[in-house]
């Protein structure tokens, strides 16, 4: 029974990490589009929108760090 619980927990953890990877990928694509758009059009956005994108960049970096650490500490698949 404990074995089944850990298998279920592992499945949910794997699903959560997969969802985080998808969110992180989408966030990376949005940020890259935003940066390219800003470079091409040389737009000066208002302070509020710049803060939103700065926070998104920080979130993206934290997700990359978390996913990298998870990949390093995860036991190998059998």
PDB file of N, CA and C in Angstrom:
ATOM      1  N   UNK A   1       0.813  -1.192   0.000  1.00  0.00           N
ATOM      2  CA  UNK A   1       0.000   0.000   0.000  1.00  0.00           C
ATOM      3  C   UNK A   1       0.862   1.264   0.000  1.00  0.00           C
ATOM      4  N   UNK A   2       1.926   1.236   0.794  1.00  0.00           N
ATOM      5  CA  UNK A   2       2.840   2.384   0.837  1.00  0.00           C
ATOM      6  C   UNK A   2       3.538   2.534  -0.515  1.00  0.00           C
ATOM      7  N   UNK A   3       3.869   1.397  -1.129  1.00  0.00           N
ATOM      8  CA  UNK A   3       4.490   1.431  -2.452  1.00  0.00           C
ATOM      9  C   UNK A   3       3.576   2.101  -3.471  1.00  0.00           C
ATOM     10  N   UNK A   4       2.279   1.770  -3.406  1.00  0.00           N
ATOM     11  CA  UNK A   4       1.305   2.378  -4.311  1.00  0.00           C
ATOM     12  C   UNK A   4       1.185   3.877  -4.064  1.00  0.00           C
ATOM     13  N   UNK A   5       1.229   4.271  -2.788  1.00  0.00           N
ATOM     14  CA  UNK A   5       1.141   5.698  -2.462  1.00  0.00           C
ATOM     15  C   UNK A   5       2.320   6.449  -3.056  1.00  0.00           C
ATOM     16  N   UNK A   6       3.518   5.908  -2.901  1.00  0.00           N
ATOM     17  CA  UNK A   6       4.694   6.578  -3.445  1.00  0.00           C
ATOM     18  C   UNK A   6       4.676   6.599  -4.967  1.00  0.00           C
ATOM     19  N   UNK A   7       4.161   5.550  -5.579  1.00  0.00           N
ATOM     20  CA  UNK A   7       4.041   5.537  -7.041  1.00  0.00           C
ATOM     21  C   UNK A   7       3.046   6.602  -7.496  1.00  0.00           C
ATOM     22  N   UNK A   8       1.941   6.729  -6.780  1.00  0.00           N
ATOM     23  CA  UNK A   8       0.944   7.753  -7.110  1.00  0.00           C
ATOM     24  C   UNK A   8       1.520   9.152  -6.901  1.00  0.00           C
ATOM     25  N   UNK A   9       2.219   9.345  -5.787  1.00  0.00           N
ATOM     26  CA  UNK A   9       2.839  10.639  -5.502  1.00  0.00           C
ATOM     27  C   UNK A   9       3.871  10.988  -6.566  1.00  0.00           C
ATOM     28  N   UNK A  10       4.658   9.996  -6.973  1.00  0.00           N
ATOM     29  CA  UNK A  10       5.663  10.205  -8.007  1.00  0.00           C
ATOM     30  C   UNK A  10       5.004  10.584  -9.330  1.00  0.00           C
ATOM     31  N   UNK A  11       3.872   9.953  -9.633  1.00  0.00           N
ATOM     32  CA  UNK A  11       3.153  10.283 -10.869  1.00  0.00           C
ATOM     33  C   UNK A  11       2.649  11.725 -10.842  1.00  0.00           C
ATOM     34  N   UNK A  12       2.096  12.141  -9.698  1.00  0.00           N
ATOM     35  CA  UNK A  12       1.619  13.519  -9.578  1.00  0.00           C
ATOM     36  C   UNK A  12       2.768  14.509  -9.633  1.00  0.00           C
ATOM     37  N   UNK A  13       3.901  14.166  -9.023  1.00  0.00           N
ATOM     38  CA  UNK A  13       5.065  15.052  -9.068  1.00  0.00           C
ATOM     39  C   UNK A  13       5.571  15.183 -10.499  1.00  0.00           C
ATOM     40  N   UNK A  14       5.597  14.073 -11.227  1.00  0.00           N
ATOM     41  CA  UNK A  14       6.031  14.098 -12.622  1.00  0.00           C
ATOM     42  C   UNK A  14       5.075  14.947 -13.465  1.00  0.00           C
ATOM     43  N   UNK A  15       3.780  14.818 -13.215  1.00  0.00           N
ATOM     44  CA  UNK A  15       2.789  15.614 -13.924  1.00  0.00           C
ATOM     45  C   UNK A  15       2.966  17.102 -13.615  1.00  0.00           C
ATOM     46  N   UNK A  16       3.210  17.422 -12.339  1.00  0.00           N
ATOM     47  CA  UNK A  16       3.408  18.824 -11.948  1.00  0.00           C
ATOM     48  C   UNK A  16       4.636  19.410 -12.634  1.00  0.00           C
ATOM     49  N   UNK A  17       5.711  18.655 -12.687  1.00  0.00           N
ATOM     50  CA  UNK A  17       6.930  19.138 -13.342  1.00  0.00           C
ATOM     51  C   UNK A  17       6.704  19.294 -14.842  1.00  0.00           C
ATOM     52  N   UNK A  18       5.975  18.365 -15.444  1.00  0.00           N
ATOM     53  CA  UNK A  18       5.662  18.481 -16.870  1.00  0.00           C
ATOM     54  C   UNK A  18       4.843  19.747 -17.139  1.00  0.00           C
ATOM     55  N   UNK A  19       3.859  20.022 -16.291  1.00  0.00           N
ATOM     56  CA  UNK A  19       3.064  21.243 -16.440  1.00  0.00           C
ATOM     57  C   UNK A  19       3.926  22.486 -16.251  1.00  0.00           C
ATOM     58  N   UNK A  20       4.838  22.452 -15.273  1.00  0.00           N
ATOM     59  CA  UNK A  20       5.755  23.577 -15.071  1.00  0.00           C
ATOM     60  C   UNK A  20       6.634  23.791 -16.298  1.00  0.00           C
ATOM     61  N   UNK A  21       7.088  22.704 -16.912  1.00  0.00           N
ATOM     62  CA  UNK A  21       7.903  22.827 -18.114  1.00  0.00           C
ATOM     63  C   UNK A  21       7.109  23.467 -19.250  1.00  0.00           C
ATOM     64  N   UNK A  22       5.834  23.094 -19.381  1.00  0.00           N
ATOM     65  CA  UNK A  22       4.995  23.677 -20.429  1.00  0.00           C
ATOM     66  C   UNK A  22       4.770  25.172 -20.177  1.00  0.00           C
ATOM     67  N   UNK A  23       4.475  25.538 -18.918  1.00  0.00           N
ATOM     68  CA  UNK A  23       4.281  26.948 -18.576  1.00  0.00           C
ATOM     69  C   UNK A  23       5.568  27.726 -18.824  1.00  0.00           C
ATOM     70  N   UNK A  24       6.684  27.134 -18.427  1.00  0.00           N
ATOM     71  CA  UNK A  24       7.974  27.799 -18.601  1.00  0.00           C
ATOM     72  C   UNK A  24       8.295  28.000 -20.081  1.00  0.00           C
ATOM     73  N   UNK A  25       8.002  27.003 -20.911  1.00  0.00           N
ATOM     74  CA  UNK A  25       8.240  27.120 -22.347  1.00  0.00           C
ATOM     75  C   UNK A  25       7.379  28.210 -22.961  1.00  0.00           C
ATOM     76  N   UNK A  26       6.102  28.238 -22.559  1.00  0.00           N
ATOM     77  CA  UNK A  26       5.204  29.274 -23.069  1.00  0.00           C
ATOM     78  C   UNK A  26       5.671  30.655 -22.625  1.00  0.00           C
ATOM     79  N   UNK A  27       6.086  30.758 -21.366  1.00  0.00           N
ATOM     80  CA  UNK A  27       6.581  32.034 -20.846  1.00  0.00           C
ATOM     81  C   UNK A  27       7.840  32.470 -21.589  1.00  0.00           C
ATOM     82  N   UNK A  28       8.720  31.535 -21.872  1.00  0.00           N
ATOM     83  CA  UNK A  28       9.939  31.856 -22.618  1.00  0.00           C
ATOM     84  C   UNK A  28       9.603  32.382 -24.013  1.00  0.00           C
ATOM     85  N   UNK A  29       8.636  31.741 -24.667  1.00  0.00           N
ATOM     86  CA  UNK A  29       8.256  32.177 -26.012  1.00  0.00           C
ATOM     87  C   UNK A  29       7.634  33.565 -25.993  1.00  0.00           C
ATOM     88  N   UNK A  30       6.776  33.832 -24.998  1.00  0.00           N
ATOM     89  CA  UNK A  30       6.163  35.155 -24.890  1.00  0.00           C
ATOM     90  C   UNK A  30       7.234  36.211 -24.629  1.00  0.00           C
ATOM     91  N   UNK A  31       8.160  35.895 -23.735  1.00  0.00           N
ATOM     92  CA  UNK A  31       9.211  36.865 -23.418  1.00  0.00           C
ATOM     93  C   UNK A  31      10.115  37.114 -24.624  1.00  0.00           C
ATOM     94  N   UNK A  32      10.433  36.067 -25.369  1.00  0.00           N
ATOM     95  CA  UNK A  32      11.286  36.272 -26.540  1.00  0.00           C
ATOM     96  C   UNK A  32      10.561  37.095 -27.601  1.00  0.00           C
ATOM     97  N   UNK A  33       9.261  36.851 -27.776  1.00  0.00           N
ATOM     98  CA  UNK A  33       8.493  37.665 -28.720  1.00  0.00           C
ATOM     99  C   UNK A  33       8.447  39.116 -28.274  1.00  0.00           C
ATOM    100  N   UNK A  34       8.277  39.324 -26.975  1.00  0.00           N
ATOM    101  CA  UNK A  34       8.220  40.680 -26.427  1.00  0.00           C
ATOM    102  C   UNK A  34       9.548  41.392 -26.649  1.00  0.00           C
ATOM    103  N   UNK A  35      10.657  40.690 -26.383  1.00  0.00           N
ATOM    104  CA  UNK A  35      11.971  41.317 -26.530  1.00  0.00           C
ATOM    105  C   UNK A  35      12.275  41.612 -27.995  1.00  0.00           C
ATOM    106  N   UNK A  36      11.907  40.686 -28.886  1.00  0.00           N
ATOM    107  CA  UNK A  36      12.124  40.920 -30.312  1.00  0.00           C
ATOM    108  C   UNK A  36      11.278  42.099 -30.781  1.00  0.00           C
ATOM    109  N   UNK A  37      10.032  42.133 -30.338  1.00  0.00           N
ATOM    110  CA  UNK A  37       9.146  43.232 -30.720  1.00  0.00           C
ATOM    111  C   UNK A  37       9.705  44.571 -30.240  1.00  0.00           C
ATOM    112  N   UNK A  38      10.223  44.575 -29.020  1.00  0.00           N
ATOM    113  CA  UNK A  38      10.776  45.816 -28.477  1.00  0.00           C
ATOM    114  C   UNK A  38      12.030  46.230 -29.239  1.00  0.00           C
ATOM    115  N   UNK A  39      12.863  45.266 -29.595  1.00  0.00           N
ATOM    116  CA  UNK A  39      14.077  45.601 -30.342  1.00  0.00           C
ATOM    117  C   UNK A  39      13.747  46.109 -31.745  1.00  0.00           C
ATOM    118  N   UNK A  40      12.788  45.453 -32.399  1.00  0.00           N
ATOM    119  CA  UNK A  40      12.466  45.826 -33.774  1.00  0.00           C
ATOM    120  C   UNK A  40      11.795  47.196 -33.834  1.00  0.00           C
ATOM    121  N   UNK A  41      10.853  47.422 -32.945  1.00  0.00           N
ATOM    122  CA  UNK A  41      10.071  48.655 -33.012  1.00  0.00           C
ATOM    123  C   UNK A  41      10.572  49.745 -32.068  1.00  0.00           C
ATOM    124  N   UNK A  42      11.543  49.402 -31.216  1.00  0.00           N
ATOM    125  CA  UNK A  42      12.134  50.359 -30.278  1.00  0.00           C
ATOM    126  C   UNK A  42      11.047  51.071 -29.474  1.00  0.00           C
ATOM    127  N   UNK A  43      10.148  50.264 -28.899  1.00  0.00           N
ATOM    128  CA  UNK A  43       9.032  50.816 -28.137  1.00  0.00           C
ATOM    129  C   UNK A  43       9.465  51.128 -26.713  1.00  0.00           C
ATOM    130  N   UNK A  44       8.980  52.235 -26.210  1.00  0.00           N
ATOM    131  CA  UNK A  44       9.220  52.581 -24.811  1.00  0.00           C
ATOM    132  C   UNK A  44       7.914  52.365 -24.061  1.00  0.00           C
ATOM    133  N   UNK A  45       7.820  51.241 -23.351  1.00  0.00           N
ATOM    134  CA  UNK A  45       6.587  50.905 -22.650  1.00  0.00           C
ATOM    135  C   UNK A  45       6.509  51.657 -21.329  1.00  0.00           C
ATOM    136  N   UNK A  46       5.279  51.820 -20.847  1.00  0.00           N
ATOM    137  CA  UNK A  46       5.133  52.505 -19.566  1.00  0.00           C
ATOM    138  C   UNK A  46       5.701  51.644 -18.438  1.00  0.00           C
ATOM    139  N   UNK A  47       5.917  52.259 -17.287  1.00  0.00           N
ATOM    140  CA  UNK A  47       6.609  51.595 -16.175  1.00  0.00           C
ATOM    141  C   UNK A  47       5.871  50.347 -15.699  1.00  0.00           C
ATOM    142  N   UNK A  48       4.532  50.403 -15.649  1.00  0.00           N
ATOM    143  CA  UNK A  48       3.769  49.265 -15.152  1.00  0.00           C
ATOM    144  C   UNK A  48       3.965  48.022 -15.997  1.00  0.00           C
ATOM    145  N   UNK A  49       3.931  48.180 -17.311  1.00  0.00           N
ATOM    146  CA  UNK A  49       4.101  47.031 -18.191  1.00  0.00           C
ATOM    147  C   UNK A  49       5.533  46.512 -18.140  1.00  0.00           C
ATOM    148  N   UNK A  50       6.499  47.406 -18.013  1.00  0.00           N
ATOM    149  CA  UNK A  50       7.885  46.967 -17.869  1.00  0.00           C
ATOM    150  C   UNK A  50       8.070  46.146 -16.600  1.00  0.00           C
ATOM    151  N   UNK A  51       7.406  46.543 -15.513  1.00  0.00           N
ATOM    152  CA  UNK A  51       7.509  45.783 -14.269  1.00  0.00           C
ATOM    153  C   UNK A  51       6.912  44.396 -14.424  1.00  0.00           C
ATOM    154  N   UNK A  52       5.809  44.295 -15.156  1.00  0.00           N
ATOM    155  CA  UNK A  52       5.183  42.985 -15.393  1.00  0.00           C
ATOM    156  C   UNK A  52       6.152  42.075 -16.142  1.00  0.00           C
ATOM    157  N   UNK A  53       6.787  42.604 -17.183  1.00  0.00           N
ATOM    158  CA  UNK A  53       7.715  41.776 -17.948  1.00  0.00           C
ATOM    159  C   UNK A  53       8.974  41.457 -17.147  1.00  0.00           C
ATOM    160  N   UNK A  54       9.432  42.384 -16.308  1.00  0.00           N
ATOM    161  CA  UNK A  54      10.575  42.089 -15.447  1.00  0.00           C
ATOM    162  C   UNK A  54      10.240  40.961 -14.479  1.00  0.00           C
ATOM    163  N   UNK A  55       9.038  40.982 -13.917  1.00  0.00           N
ATOM    164  CA  UNK A  55       8.632  39.900 -13.019  1.00  0.00           C
ATOM    165  C   UNK A  55       8.490  38.584 -13.776  1.00  0.00           C
ATOM    166  N   UNK A  56       8.011  38.635 -15.007  1.00  0.00           N
ATOM    167  CA  UNK A  56       7.886  37.421 -15.818  1.00  0.00           C
ATOM    168  C   UNK A  56       9.269  36.839 -16.120  1.00  0.00           C
ATOM    169  N   UNK A  57      10.248  37.714 -16.373  1.00  0.00           N
ATOM    170  CA  UNK A  57      11.613  37.240 -16.624  1.00  0.00           C
ATOM    171  C   UNK A  57      12.179  36.574 -15.376  1.00  0.00           C
ATOM    172  N   UNK A  58      11.933  37.171 -14.207  1.00  0.00           N
ATOM    173  CA  UNK A  58      12.401  36.579 -12.954  1.00  0.00           C
ATOM    174  C   UNK A  58      11.725  35.234 -12.716  1.00  0.00           C
ATOM    175  N   UNK A  59      10.411  35.149 -12.962  1.00  0.00           N
ATOM    176  CA  UNK A  59       9.691  33.884 -12.815  1.00  0.00           C
ATOM    177  C   UNK A  59      10.254  32.838 -13.761  1.00  0.00           C
ATOM    178  N   UNK A  60      10.550  33.233 -14.986  1.00  0.00           N
ATOM    179  CA  UNK A  60      11.134  32.323 -15.967  1.00  0.00           C
ATOM    180  C   UNK A  60      12.485  31.792 -15.492  1.00  0.00           C
ATOM    181  N   UNK A  61      13.313  32.669 -14.946  1.00  0.00           N
ATOM    182  CA  UNK A  61      14.617  32.242 -14.438  1.00  0.00           C
ATOM    183  C   UNK A  61      14.473  31.292 -13.252  1.00  0.00           C
ATOM    184  N   UNK A  62      13.543  31.595 -12.346  1.00  0.00           N
ATOM    185  CA  UNK A  62      13.323  30.716 -11.199  1.00  0.00           C
ATOM    186  C   UNK A  62      12.797  29.354 -11.630  1.00  0.00           C
ATOM    187  N   UNK A  63      11.886  29.331 -12.604  1.00  0.00           N
ATOM    188  CA  UNK A  63      11.387  28.049 -13.106  1.00  0.00           C
ATOM    189  C   UNK A  63      12.503  27.250 -13.770  1.00  0.00           C
ATOM    190  N   UNK A  64      13.361  27.927 -14.532  1.00  0.00           N
ATOM    191  CA  UNK A  64      14.498  27.231 -15.145  1.00  0.00           C
ATOM    192  C   UNK A  64      15.405  26.639 -14.080  1.00  0.00           C
ATOM    193  N   UNK A  65      15.669  27.392 -13.018  1.00  0.00           N
ATOM    194  CA  UNK A  65      16.514  26.901 -11.931  1.00  0.00           C
ATOM    195  C   UNK A  65      15.870  25.702 -11.252  1.00  0.00           C
ATOM    196  N   UNK A  66      14.575  25.806 -10.937  1.00  0.00           N
ATOM    197  CA  UNK A  66      13.877  24.711 -10.275  1.00  0.00           C
ATOM    198  C   UNK A  66      13.876  23.457 -11.143  1.00  0.00           C
ATOM    199  N   UNK A  67      13.547  23.628 -12.424  1.00  0.00           N
ATOM    200  CA  UNK A  67      13.485  22.456 -13.309  1.00  0.00           C
ATOM    201  C   UNK A  67      14.864  21.840 -13.498  1.00  0.00           C
ATOM    202  N   UNK A  68      15.906  22.652 -13.523  1.00  0.00           N
ATOM    203  CA  UNK A  68      17.268  22.125 -13.634  1.00  0.00           C
ATOM    204  C   UNK A  68      17.649  21.339 -12.384  1.00  0.00           C
ATOM    205  N   UNK A  69      17.318  21.892 -11.218  1.00  0.00           N
ATOM    206  CA  UNK A  69      17.625  21.187  -9.967  1.00  0.00           C
ATOM    207  C   UNK A  69      16.819  19.903  -9.852  1.00  0.00           C
ATOM    208  N   UNK A  70      15.562  19.938 -10.295  1.00  0.00           N
ATOM    209  CA  UNK A  70      14.737  18.733 -10.265  1.00  0.00           C
ATOM    210  C   UNK A  70      15.340  17.655 -11.155  1.00  0.00           C
ATOM    211  N   UNK A  71      15.828  18.050 -12.312  1.00  0.00           N
ATOM    212  CA  UNK A  71      16.427  17.079 -13.237  1.00  0.00           C
ATOM    213  C   UNK A  71      17.690  16.469 -12.636  1.00  0.00           C
ATOM    214  N   UNK A  72      18.443  17.263 -11.854  1.00  0.00           N
ATOM    215  CA  UNK A  72      19.669  16.753 -11.250  1.00  0.00           C
ATOM    216  C   UNK A  72      19.397  15.824 -10.071  1.00  0.00           C
ATOM    217  N   UNK A  73      18.324  16.100  -9.312  1.00  0.00           N
ATOM    218  CA  UNK A  73      18.068  15.320  -8.100  1.00  0.00           C
ATOM    219  C   UNK A  73      17.107  14.164  -8.323  1.00  0.00           C
ATOM    220  N   UNK A  74      16.500  14.095  -9.505  1.00  0.00           N
ATOM    221  CA  UNK A  74      15.538  13.031  -9.783  1.00  0.00           C
ATOM    222  C   UNK A  74      16.272  11.702  -9.950  1.00  0.00           C
ATOM    223  N   UNK A  75      15.743  10.649  -9.326  1.00  0.00           N
ATOM    224  CA  UNK A  75      16.374   9.343  -9.528  1.00  0.00           C
ATOM    225  C   UNK A  75      16.212   8.898 -10.977  1.00  0.00           C
ATOM    226  N   UNK A  76      17.158   8.140 -11.478  1.00  0.00           N
ATOM    227  CA  UNK A  76      17.076   7.698 -12.879  1.00  0.00           C
ATOM    228  C   UNK A  76      15.864   6.802 -13.104  1.00  0.00           C
ATOM    229  N   UNK A  77      15.286   6.909 -14.304  1.00  0.00           N
ATOM    230  CA  UNK A  77      14.140   6.070 -14.670  1.00  0.00           C
ATOM    231  C   UNK A  77      14.619   4.634 -14.863  1.00  0.00           C
ATOM    232  N   UNK A  78      13.793   3.708 -14.423  1.00  0.00           N
ATOM    233  CA  UNK A  78      14.158   2.280 -14.558  1.00  0.00           C
ATOM    234  C   UNK A  78      13.436   1.685 -15.742  1.00  0.00           C
TER     235      UNK A  78
END
